[in-house]
């Protein structure tokens, strides 16, 4: 949990300090707030963590200055369990 809290906090600070406005910034801010709440609230729901991560990545993925912090959030989320397997043919 500490890794997730630290990574989300860092990305939130960097996003707040980033001067450029982009269309999905609000989505990223909302989902980072949700990730922060999950990190503070105890054992989070893994599917919800992954959904929030995907939304954040989609919203800020093209902002290269935020890529290292986004990668740290991804790593922290992945510590909560393996990626769900999909059944193939």
Protein backbone atom coordinates (compact mmCIF):
# COMPACT_ATOMS: atom_id res chain seq x y z
CA UNK A 1 0.00 0.00 0.00
CA UNK A 2 2.83 2.37 0.79
CA UNK A 3 4.24 1.98 -2.73
CA UNK A 4 0.87 2.76 -4.28
CA UNK A 5 0.29 5.80 -2.05
CA UNK A 6 3.75 7.18 -2.80
CA UNK A 7 3.50 6.60 -6.56
CA UNK A 8 0.03 8.12 -6.82
CA UNK A 9 1.04 11.10 -4.69
CA UNK A 10 4.07 11.77 -6.88
CA UNK A 11 2.06 11.57 -10.11
CA UNK A 12 -0.66 13.84 -8.68
CA UNK A 13 1.96 16.45 -7.74
CA UNK A 14 3.63 16.27 -11.15
CA UNK A 15 0.29 16.50 -12.96
CA UNK A 16 -0.72 19.52 -10.86
CA UNK A 17 2.58 21.23 -11.69
CA UNK A 18 2.44 20.39 -15.40
CA UNK A 19 1.71 23.61 -17.30
CA UNK A 20 -0.02 22.15 -20.34
CA UNK A 21 -3.76 21.71 -20.48
CA UNK A 22 -5.05 18.70 -22.36
CA UNK A 23 -8.58 17.40 -22.93
CA UNK A 24 -8.50 14.46 -20.51
CA UNK A 25 -6.66 16.13 -17.64
CA UNK A 26 -9.81 16.12 -15.50
CA UNK A 27 -10.24 12.39 -16.02
CA UNK A 28 -6.65 11.78 -14.91
CA UNK A 29 -7.11 13.96 -11.82
CA UNK A 30 -10.37 12.21 -10.88
CA UNK A 31 -8.92 8.73 -11.28
CA UNK A 32 -5.76 9.62 -9.38
CA UNK A 33 -7.99 10.84 -6.56
CA UNK A 34 -9.84 7.50 -6.69
CA UNK A 35 -6.52 5.60 -6.60
CA UNK A 36 -5.42 7.68 -3.63
CA UNK A 37 -8.65 6.93 -1.78
CA UNK A 38 -8.27 3.21 -2.48
CA UNK A 39 -4.68 3.29 -1.24
CA UNK A 40 -5.76 4.97 1.99
CA UNK A 41 -8.82 2.80 2.51
CA UNK A 42 -7.20 -0.55 3.11
CA UNK A 43 -7.16 -3.51 0.74
CA UNK A 44 -8.36 -2.15 -2.62
CA UNK A 45 -10.36 -4.00 -5.26
CA UNK A 46 -7.83 -5.09 -7.87
CA UNK A 47 -10.20 -4.72 -10.84
CA UNK A 48 -10.97 -1.14 -9.78
CA UNK A 49 -7.26 -0.37 -9.37
CA UNK A 50 -6.56 -1.63 -12.89
CA UNK A 51 -9.50 0.27 -14.35
CA UNK A 52 -8.31 3.51 -12.78
CA UNK A 53 -4.78 2.87 -14.01
CA UNK A 54 -6.05 2.34 -17.56
CA UNK A 55 -8.06 5.55 -17.44
CA UNK A 56 -5.10 7.53 -16.10
CA UNK A 57 -2.77 6.04 -18.71
CA UNK A 58 -5.23 6.84 -21.48
CA UNK A 59 -5.68 10.38 -20.22
CA UNK A 60 -2.01 11.31 -19.78
CA UNK A 61 -0.20 8.66 -21.80
CA UNK A 62 0.90 11.14 -24.45
CA UNK A 63 2.47 13.53 -21.91
CA UNK A 64 6.03 12.24 -21.94
CA UNK A 65 7.10 14.32 -18.93
CA UNK A 66 4.72 12.28 -16.77
CA UNK A 67 5.73 8.87 -18.15
CA UNK A 68 8.21 7.91 -15.38
CA UNK A 69 5.69 8.65 -12.63
CA UNK A 70 2.92 6.87 -14.51
CA UNK A 71 5.21 3.83 -14.81
CA UNK A 72 5.70 3.85 -11.03
CA UNK A 73 1.92 3.84 -10.50
CA UNK A 74 1.62 0.92 -12.93
CA UNK A 75 4.30 -1.03 -11.06
CA UNK A 76 2.58 -0.33 -7.73
CA UNK A 77 -0.78 -1.53 -9.08
CA UNK A 78 0.81 -4.69 -10.49
CA UNK A 79 2.13 -5.57 -7.02
CA UNK A 80 -1.47 -6.34 -5.99
CA UNK A 81 -1.67 -9.43 -8.15
CA UNK A 82 -1.14 -11.03 -11.47
CA UNK A 83 -2.76 -9.76 -14.59
CA UNK A 84 -6.04 -11.59 -15.23
CA UNK A 85 -5.65 -14.36 -17.79
CA UNK A 86 -7.86 -14.50 -20.82
CA UNK A 87 -8.92 -17.81 -22.22
CA UNK A 88 -7.78 -18.44 -25.76
CA UNK A 89 -9.35 -20.69 -28.38
